Amino acid sequence: MLKKISVERLAPGMYVHDLGVAWADHPFTLNRFKLKSEDQVAELMAAGLQAVYIDTDKGDDVHDAPTAADVRAEVDARMRDVANESPPPMRITVSEEIRNARILYQRAGTVVRDVMRDGRLGKAVQVENVAGLVDDITQSVVRNSGALLAMLRLKNKDDYTFMHCVSVGTLMVTFGRALGLSGEALRQAGIGGFVHDVGKTLVPDAILNKAGKLSEGEFLLIKRHPAEGHAILLKSSNVGAAPLDITLHHHERMDGKGYPEKLPADRISQLARMAAIVDVYDAITSDRPYHKGIAPTEALRKMLEWCNGHFDETLLRQFIRCIGIYPTGTLVRLSNGWLAVVTEQNTSVLLKPAVRAFYCSTARGPIAPVEIDLAREPDYRIVADESPEQWGVDPMHFLEVTRH
């Protein structure tokens, strides 16, 4: 049985099943191992972990700890609570915006590559190029944010460092607009997202993509990238305070255990808190050489569970409302066994988006595409999110089909 306990209650003989944080937030090779010494326990505590899951079938038990099922039920209840508030209405459909979003996504990749190249070479970052991109992305988000958000899932593990910045920049624009930012404030938030990881240009690729356990020195080198990025941006003209803040502080935590400055919560700006959320969301939903990305909905559940100490929960809940509990482009299984792709967020009920069904998982065969607004069709409901790779499906194909 899986149970969740605080790290202070760990002891040799217990079997750690899950470290309870994003992969980038710990230096350990594996999430699962049996504790054999007090030194191992001390190492986990020193890493800033708050709580972990133990497997009582493989190691010692803690009888009064909540089970994984208990924790899951509590997180699901919080997800349903988030769903009671809805995102802003869309102006056009995803299908109408998807072509423009694809062009913007490709352009964004080029701009970020230029930023990273300049950072690596010690040149000034051309912030004006990023600002122009942010303005165009804002307009796409205004028309229909789901198109670009779905496009963000196309990156592969080989270009992760570049396209992660594209994702964080786009998510910062989407999130900021949902929070009421506009004009220059929104532009600066977006710029900060696009340049937040420029310091990683000074970290060797062999370390960034290492599949095995990082040495203490390697992990410390990675943890220097916010400060390194901040220093790079200081050399560039026209870099505002917001991008500098986001770059330096996107790994700070509400419990004061983040880096590089271990800031207490009251010294972490709203923009840095937002960046911490979108940075982790994109990281854990993306494939890397050392881990497989998880489905967006499961990622949001995980983040709700981790938010005590890590994230600003109020902002996290607003982020979930912003992108949807089942973000556009998510592959889901319906209660009748059909597979469907989420095509639009429902502005009244986040748990019931519009979907396009195309396959029957029970009969193992395709069906004629069916458009279903789950808020209006009580006979259908989402029972699980599914892996596109497992089913050999490209969700983007179903977003690009124009409705008739």
Protein backbone atom coordinates (compact mmCIF):
# COMPACT_ATOMS: atom_id res chain seq x y z
CA MET A 1 0.00 0.00 0.00
CA LEU A 2 1.18 3.50 -0.82
CA LYS A 3 1.12 6.12 1.96
CA LYS A 4 2.17 9.75 2.12
CA ILE A 5 4.40 10.90 5.00
CA SER A 6 6.50 13.95 5.82
CA VAL A 7 10.23 13.56 5.31
CA GLU A 8 10.75 14.04 9.06
CA ARG A 9 9.06 10.67 9.60
CA LEU A 10 11.31 8.74 7.22
CA ALA A 11 13.53 6.04 8.66
CA PRO A 12 15.82 3.27 7.39
CA GLY A 13 13.78 0.26 6.33
CA MET A 14 11.11 2.27 4.53
CA TYR A 15 10.70 1.99 0.77
CA VAL A 16 10.39 5.35 -1.00
CA HIS A 17 7.97 5.05 -3.91
CA ASP A 18 7.75 8.69 -5.04
CA LEU A 19 9.70 11.77 -3.95
CA GLY A 20 6.69 14.03 -4.41
CA VAL A 21 8.37 16.82 -6.41
CA ALA A 22 9.15 17.57 -10.03
CA TRP A 23 12.17 15.80 -11.52
CA ALA A 24 14.14 19.05 -11.82
CA ASP A 25 13.78 19.71 -8.10
CA HIS A 26 15.86 16.79 -6.84
CA PRO A 27 19.28 15.33 -7.75
CA PHE A 28 18.42 11.65 -7.31
CA THR A 29 18.58 9.09 -10.10
CA LEU A 30 15.43 7.25 -9.08
CA ASN A 31 12.16 8.10 -7.41
CA ARG A 32 11.97 4.59 -5.88
CA PHE A 33 14.43 2.95 -3.50
CA LYS A 34 14.70 1.40 -0.05
CA LEU A 35 16.23 3.53 2.67
CA LYS A 36 19.22 1.76 4.15
CA SER A 37 20.79 4.41 6.39
CA GLU A 38 20.20 7.62 8.29
CA ASP A 39 22.55 9.30 5.82
CA GLN A 40 20.05 8.63 3.03
CA VAL A 41 17.27 10.13 5.14
CA ALA A 42 19.42 13.20 5.81
CA GLU A 43 20.12 13.53 2.09
CA LEU A 44 16.38 13.60 1.32
CA MET A 45 15.77 16.21 4.00
CA ALA A 46 18.67 18.33 2.73
CA ALA A 47 17.13 18.31 -0.76
CA GLY A 48 14.22 20.38 0.56
CA LEU A 49 11.58 17.67 0.18
CA GLN A 50 8.46 18.01 2.31
CA ALA A 51 6.60 14.73 1.85
CA VAL A 52 7.11 11.45 0.00
CA TYR A 53 5.15 8.30 -0.75
CA ILE A 54 6.29 5.04 0.83
CA ASP A 55 5.31 1.53 -0.25
CA THR A 56 4.41 -0.45 2.87
CA ASP A 57 4.45 -3.73 0.94
CA LYS A 58 8.16 -3.27 0.27
CA GLY A 59 9.26 -1.61 3.50
CA ASP A 60 8.28 -0.45 6.97
CA ASP A 61 4.88 1.13 7.62
CA VAL A 62 3.60 4.31 9.27
CA HIS A 63 0.17 3.31 10.51
CA ASP A 64 -1.43 6.75 10.90
CA ALA A 65 -0.32 8.11 7.49
CA PRO A 66 -2.92 8.80 4.75
CA THR A 67 -3.03 6.36 1.85
CA ALA A 68 -2.44 7.35 -1.76
CA ALA A 69 -6.17 6.83 -2.36
CA ASP A 70 -6.99 9.26 0.45
CA VAL A 71 -4.64 11.86 -1.00
CA ARG A 72 -6.01 11.35 -4.51
CA ALA A 73 -9.59 11.82 -3.30
CA GLU A 74 -8.65 15.05 -1.55
CA VAL A 75 -6.84 16.40 -4.63
CA ASP A 76 -9.74 15.43 -6.91
CA ALA A 77 -12.12 17.31 -4.62
CA ARG A 78 -9.94 20.40 -4.97
CA MET A 79 -9.90 19.95 -8.76
CA ARG A 80 -13.71 19.88 -8.78
CA ASP A 81 -13.72 23.02 -6.68
CA VAL A 82 -11.46 24.75 -9.19
CA ALA A 83 -13.85 23.71 -11.96
CA ASN A 84 -16.64 25.77 -10.43
CA GLU A 85 -15.08 28.91 -11.92
CA SER A 86 -14.74 29.16 -15.65
CA PRO A 87 -12.17 30.61 -18.10
CA PRO A 88 -12.91 33.60 -20.35
CA PRO A 89 -14.93 32.89 -23.51
CA MET A 90 -13.07 32.32 -26.79
CA ARG A 91 -13.56 34.61 -29.79
CA ILE A 92 -12.96 32.02 -32.55
CA THR A 93 -12.56 28.23 -32.63
CA VAL A 94 -9.31 26.32 -32.23
CA SER A 95 -9.60 25.09 -35.81
CA GLU A 96 -9.75 28.67 -37.07
CA GLU A 97 -6.69 29.74 -35.05
CA ILE A 98 -4.51 26.63 -35.38
CA ARG A 99 -2.75 27.59 -38.63
CA ASN A 100 -1.67 30.96 -37.27
CA ALA A 101 -0.63 29.31 -33.99
CA ARG A 102 1.61 26.87 -35.87
CA ILE A 103 3.38 29.72 -37.66
CA LEU A 104 3.85 31.58 -34.38
CA TYR A 105 5.19 28.47 -32.67
CA GLN A 106 7.83 27.97 -35.35
CA ARG A 107 8.78 31.65 -35.27
CA ALA A 108 9.04 31.54 -31.47
CA GLY A 109 11.48 28.64 -31.70
CA THR A 110 13.73 30.70 -33.98
CA VAL A 111 13.61 33.74 -31.68
CA VAL A 112 14.46 31.68 -28.59
CA ARG A 113 17.34 29.95 -30.37
CA ASP A 114 18.76 33.38 -31.18
CA VAL A 115 18.39 34.43 -27.54
CA MET A 116 20.15 31.30 -26.33
CA ARG A 117 22.92 31.64 -28.90
CA ASP A 118 23.58 35.24 -27.89
CA GLY A 119 23.62 34.25 -24.23
CA ARG A 120 26.11 31.47 -24.87
CA LEU A 121 28.36 33.82 -26.84
CA GLY A 122 28.17 36.55 -24.21
CA LYS A 123 26.29 38.91 -26.52
CA ALA A 124 23.46 41.24 -25.57
CA VAL A 125 20.03 39.62 -25.86
CA GLN A 126 17.85 41.31 -28.50
CA VAL A 127 14.83 41.96 -26.28
CA GLU A 128 12.98 43.89 -28.98
CA ASN A 129 12.69 40.70 -31.06
CA VAL A 130 11.14 38.89 -28.10
CA ALA A 131 8.77 41.80 -27.41
CA GLY A 132 7.41 41.71 -30.96
CA LEU A 133 6.84 37.97 -30.69
CA VAL A 134 5.01 38.41 -27.37
CA ASP A 135 2.66 40.97 -28.93
CA ASP A 136 1.70 38.55 -31.71
CA ILE A 137 1.27 35.68 -29.27
CA THR A 138 -1.00 37.87 -27.14
CA GLN A 139 -3.26 38.44 -30.13
CA SER A 140 -3.42 34.68 -30.79
CA VAL A 141 -4.28 34.08 -27.14
CA VAL A 142 -7.05 36.68 -27.34
CA ARG A 143 -8.54 34.94 -30.37
CA ASN A 144 -8.31 31.43 -28.84
CA SER A 145 -5.65 30.46 -26.31
CA GLY A 146 -6.27 26.74 -26.83
CA ALA A 147 -4.60 26.69 -30.26
CA LEU A 148 -1.16 27.76 -29.05
CA LEU A 149 -1.44 25.81 -25.81
CA ALA A 150 -2.08 22.64 -27.79
CA MET A 151 0.86 23.45 -30.07
CA LEU A 152 3.21 23.58 -27.08
CA ARG A 153 2.97 19.80 -26.69
CA LEU A 154 4.72 19.20 -30.03
CA LYS A 155 8.27 19.64 -28.76
CA ASN A 156 10.55 16.63 -28.48
CA LYS A 157 13.22 15.84 -25.93
CA ASP A 158 16.04 16.82 -28.30
CA ASP A 159 15.02 20.50 -28.50
CA TYR A 160 13.56 20.75 -25.02
CA THR A 161 15.75 23.58 -23.70
CA PHE A 162 14.67 25.90 -26.54
CA MET A 163 11.03 24.93 -26.77
CA HIS A 164 10.59 24.89 -22.99
CA CYS A 165 11.26 28.64 -23.09
CA VAL A 166 8.68 28.98 -25.87
CA SER A 167 6.17 27.14 -23.71
CA VAL A 168 6.88 29.15 -20.57
CA GLY A 169 6.68 32.43 -22.49
CA THR A 170 3.37 31.47 -24.10
CA LEU A 171 1.95 30.19 -20.83
CA MET A 172 2.98 33.40 -19.04
CA VAL A 173 1.09 35.45 -21.64
CA THR A 174 -1.97 33.22 -21.35
CA PHE A 175 -1.85 33.13 -17.56
CA GLY A 176 -1.14 36.84 -17.24
CA ARG A 177 -4.04 37.78 -19.46
CA ALA A 178 -6.36 35.52 -17.46
CA LEU A 179 -5.24 37.39 -14.33
CA GLY A 180 -6.06 40.75 -15.91
CA LEU A 181 -2.59 41.86 -17.04
CA SER A 182 -2.52 43.90 -20.23
CA GLY A 183 -0.35 46.23 -22.24
CA GLU A 184 3.25 46.62 -21.13
CA ALA A 185 2.77 44.58 -17.94
CA LEU A 186 1.64 41.57 -19.98
CA ARG A 187 4.41 42.10 -22.53
CA GLN A 188 7.06 42.12 -19.82
CA ALA A 189 5.63 38.95 -18.24
CA GLY A 190 5.82 37.21 -21.61
CA ILE A 191 9.38 38.39 -22.26
CA GLY A 192 10.37 37.04 -18.86
CA GLY A 193 8.97 33.64 -19.73
CA PHE A 194 10.83 33.48 -23.03
CA VAL A 195 14.22 34.39 -21.53
CA HIS A 196 13.87 32.77 -18.08
CA ASP A 197 16.27 29.90 -18.82
CA VAL A 198 18.92 31.80 -20.76
CA GLY A 199 21.38 30.91 -17.98
CA LYS A 200 21.17 27.25 -19.03
CA THR A 201 23.29 28.15 -22.04
CA LEU A 202 26.24 28.05 -19.64
CA VAL A 203 25.41 24.54 -18.40
CA PRO A 204 26.94 21.71 -20.50
CA ASP A 205 24.37 19.68 -22.44
CA ALA A 206 25.85 16.51 -20.94
CA ILE A 207 24.63 17.70 -17.53
CA LEU A 208 21.27 19.11 -18.68
CA ASN A 209 20.41 15.82 -20.40
CA LYS A 210 22.13 13.39 -18.05
CA ALA A 211 20.02 10.27 -17.54
CA GLY A 212 21.79 9.11 -14.38
CA LYS A 213 22.16 10.63 -10.95
CA LEU A 214 23.67 14.10 -10.87
CA SER A 215 26.72 14.58 -8.70
CA GLU A 216 26.51 17.24 -6.00
CA GLY A 217 28.66 19.50 -8.14
CA GLU A 218 26.52 18.96 -11.23
CA PHE A 219 23.31 19.73 -9.35
CA LEU A 220 24.85 22.87 -7.90
CA LEU A 221 25.89 23.91 -11.41
CA ILE A 222 22.32 23.56 -12.66
CA LYS A 223 21.05 25.54 -9.67
CA ARG A 224 23.27 28.44 -10.75
CA HIS A 225 21.37 29.00 -13.99
CA PRO A 226 18.88 31.60 -12.62
CA ALA A 227 21.71 33.81 -11.39
CA GLU A 228 23.73 33.22 -14.56
CA GLY A 229 20.72 34.15 -16.68
CA HIS A 230 20.12 37.28 -14.62
CA ALA A 231 23.75 38.31 -15.18
CA ILE A 232 23.41 37.75 -18.94
CA LEU A 233 20.29 39.92 -19.11
CA LEU A 234 21.94 42.71 -17.12
CA LYS A 235 24.40 43.06 -20.01
CA SER A 236 21.53 43.66 -22.44
CA SER A 237 19.83 47.01 -22.99
CA ASN A 238 16.09 47.54 -22.56
CA VAL A 239 15.57 44.55 -20.26
CA GLY A 240 12.83 45.46 -17.81
CA ALA A 241 12.60 44.65 -14.13
CA ALA A 242 9.99 41.93 -14.69
CA PRO A 243 12.10 39.68 -16.98
CA LEU A 244 15.04 40.09 -14.60
CA ASP A 245 12.86 39.11 -11.65
CA ILE A 246 11.35 36.09 -13.44
CA THR A 247 14.74 34.86 -14.62
CA LEU A 248 16.35 35.13 -11.17
CA HIS A 249 13.46 33.86 -9.06
CA HIS A 250 11.45 31.26 -11.04
CA HIS A 251 12.86 28.47 -8.82
CA GLU A 252 12.03 30.12 -5.51
CA ARG A 253 9.45 28.33 -3.34
CA MET A 254 6.77 29.49 -0.94
CA ASP A 255 8.40 27.60 1.94
CA GLY A 256 11.71 29.41 1.45
CA LYS A 257 13.51 26.27 0.23
CA GLY A 258 13.92 27.37 -3.38
CA TYR A 259 16.97 28.78 -5.12
CA PRO A 260 19.12 30.76 -5.69
CA GLU A 261 18.21 33.10 -2.80
CA LYS A 262 15.85 30.96 -0.65
CA LEU A 263 13.41 33.86 -0.55
CA PRO A 264 10.53 33.72 1.94
CA ALA A 265 7.06 33.83 0.40
CA ASP A 266 6.49 37.51 1.14
CA ARG A 267 9.54 38.43 -0.96
CA ILE A 268 8.55 36.42 -4.04
CA SER A 269 6.72 38.57 -6.59
CA GLN A 270 3.51 37.49 -8.26
CA LEU A 271 5.29 37.17 -11.61
CA ALA A 272 7.95 34.89 -10.12
CA ARG A 273 5.21 32.79 -8.47
CA MET A 274 3.44 32.52 -11.81
CA ALA A 275 6.67 31.54 -13.56
CA ALA A 276 7.35 28.84 -10.95
CA ILE A 277 3.97 27.28 -11.76
CA VAL A 278 4.22 27.34 -15.56
CA ASP A 279 7.88 26.23 -15.48
CA VAL A 280 7.08 23.09 -13.50
CA TYR A 281 3.89 22.38 -15.48
CA ASP A 282 5.75 22.39 -18.79
CA ALA A 283 8.69 20.44 -17.36
CA ILE A 284 6.66 17.54 -16.01
CA THR A 285 4.44 17.25 -19.09
CA SER A 286 7.46 17.11 -21.45
CA ASP A 287 9.58 14.13 -22.47
CA ARG A 288 13.21 14.38 -21.36
CA PRO A 289 16.10 11.92 -21.72
CA TYR A 290 15.68 11.04 -18.04
CA HIS A 291 11.89 10.86 -17.72
CA LYS A 292 8.66 10.48 -19.66
CA GLY A 293 6.28 13.41 -19.50
CA ILE A 294 2.94 12.86 -17.78
CA ALA A 295 -0.51 13.81 -19.07
CA PRO A 296 -1.57 17.45 -18.47
CA THR A 297 -4.49 16.59 -16.21
CA GLU A 298 -2.37 14.31 -14.04
CA ALA A 299 0.31 17.02 -13.92
CA LEU A 300 -2.22 19.52 -12.56
CA ARG A 301 -3.31 17.00 -9.92
CA LYS A 302 0.32 16.49 -8.90
CA MET A 303 0.92 20.22 -8.66
CA LEU A 304 -2.16 20.71 -6.49
CA GLU A 305 -0.79 18.02 -4.21
CA TRP A 306 2.69 19.62 -4.12
CA CYS A 307 1.52 23.21 -3.75
CA ASN A 308 1.77 23.28 0.05
CA GLY A 309 5.14 24.95 0.39
CA HIS A 310 6.06 24.88 -3.28
CA PHE A 311 3.49 27.01 -5.13
CA ASP A 312 1.08 29.81 -4.39
CA GLU A 313 -2.14 27.76 -4.29
CA THR A 314 -4.39 30.68 -5.19
CA LEU A 315 -2.36 31.30 -8.33
CA LEU A 316 -2.17 27.59 -9.12
CA ARG A 317 -5.96 27.31 -9.00
CA GLN A 318 -6.22 30.31 -11.32
CA PHE A 319 -3.73 28.68 -13.69
CA ILE A 320 -5.83 25.51 -13.81
CA ARG A 321 -8.92 27.57 -14.63
CA CYS A 322 -6.89 29.37 -17.28
CA ILE A 323 -5.76 26.30 -19.26
CA GLY A 324 -8.55 23.90 -18.29
CA ILE A 325 -8.56 20.73 -16.24
CA TYR A 326 -8.44 18.87 -19.56
CA PRO A 327 -6.39 21.31 -21.68
CA THR A 328 -7.15 21.66 -25.37
CA GLY A 329 -5.48 18.85 -27.30
CA THR A 330 -5.74 16.32 -24.45
CA LEU A 331 -6.66 12.78 -25.48
CA VAL A 332 -9.43 11.42 -23.24
CA ARG A 333 -11.56 8.30 -22.89
CA LEU A 334 -15.31 8.77 -22.53
CA SER A 335 -17.71 6.73 -20.41
CA ASN A 336 -18.93 4.79 -23.46
CA GLY A 337 -15.38 3.75 -24.42
CA TRP A 338 -14.84 6.31 -27.16
CA LEU A 339 -11.51 8.10 -27.49
CA ALA A 340 -11.80 11.84 -28.07
CA VAL A 341 -9.62 14.94 -28.30
CA VAL A 342 -10.55 18.05 -26.30
CA THR A 343 -11.26 20.79 -28.83
CA GLU A 344 -12.60 23.66 -26.72
CA GLN A 345 -12.90 24.59 -23.07
CA ASN A 346 -16.47 24.94 -21.86
CA THR A 347 -16.90 28.38 -20.35
CA SER A 348 -19.41 27.13 -17.80
CA VAL A 349 -18.09 23.72 -16.70
CA LEU A 350 -14.35 23.00 -16.87
CA LEU A 351 -14.84 19.27 -16.26
CA LYS A 352 -17.02 19.06 -19.36
CA PRO A 353 -15.20 20.51 -22.38
CA ALA A 354 -16.15 20.09 -26.01
CA VAL A 355 -14.51 17.04 -27.63
CA ARG A 356 -14.20 15.31 -30.98
CA ALA A 357 -14.64 11.53 -30.65
CA PHE A 358 -13.04 9.37 -33.34
CA TYR A 359 -12.34 5.84 -32.05
CA CYS A 360 -14.05 3.12 -30.02
CA SER A 361 -11.57 1.61 -27.55
CA THR A 362 -13.82 -1.34 -26.72
CA ALA A 363 -14.46 -2.35 -30.35
CA ARG A 364 -10.87 -1.40 -31.27
CA GLY A 365 -11.93 0.46 -34.36
CA PRO A 366 -12.44 3.99 -35.74
CA ILE A 367 -15.79 5.74 -35.77
CA ALA A 368 -17.02 8.64 -37.85
CA PRO A 369 -15.88 11.78 -35.96
CA VAL A 370 -18.52 13.01 -33.52
CA GLU A 371 -18.60 16.49 -32.00
CA ILE A 372 -19.78 16.37 -28.38
CA ASP A 373 -20.29 19.25 -25.96
CA LEU A 374 -20.05 17.33 -22.71
CA ALA A 375 -21.81 20.12 -20.82
CA ARG A 376 -24.89 19.54 -22.96
CA GLU A 377 -24.71 15.75 -23.27
CA PRO A 378 -25.26 14.11 -19.86
CA ASP A 379 -24.88 10.61 -21.36
CA TYR A 380 -21.16 11.22 -21.93
CA ARG A 381 -18.42 12.05 -19.44
CA ILE A 382 -14.63 11.86 -19.30
CA VAL A 383 -13.39 8.87 -17.30
CA ALA A 384 -9.63 9.13 -17.98
CA ASP A 385 -6.96 10.92 -19.94
CA GLU A 386 -5.03 8.70 -22.35
CA SER A 387 -1.55 8.59 -23.87
CA PRO A 388 -1.49 9.63 -27.56
CA GLU A 389 1.68 7.54 -28.03
CA GLN A 390 0.00 4.42 -26.67
CA TRP A 391 -2.83 4.76 -29.17
CA GLY A 392 -0.69 6.07 -32.04
CA VAL A 393 -2.73 9.27 -32.25
CA ASP A 394 -1.74 12.81 -33.21
CA PRO A 395 -4.25 15.02 -31.37
CA MET A 396 -3.29 18.01 -33.53
CA HIS A 397 -4.91 16.31 -36.53
CA PHE A 398 -8.28 16.49 -34.84
CA LEU A 399 -7.84 20.14 -33.91
CA GLU A 400 -7.05 21.13 -37.45
CA VAL A 401 -10.26 19.67 -38.85
CA THR A 402 -12.75 22.45 -39.53
CA ARG A 403 -16.27 21.83 -38.24
CA HIS A 404 -19.13 21.80 -40.72
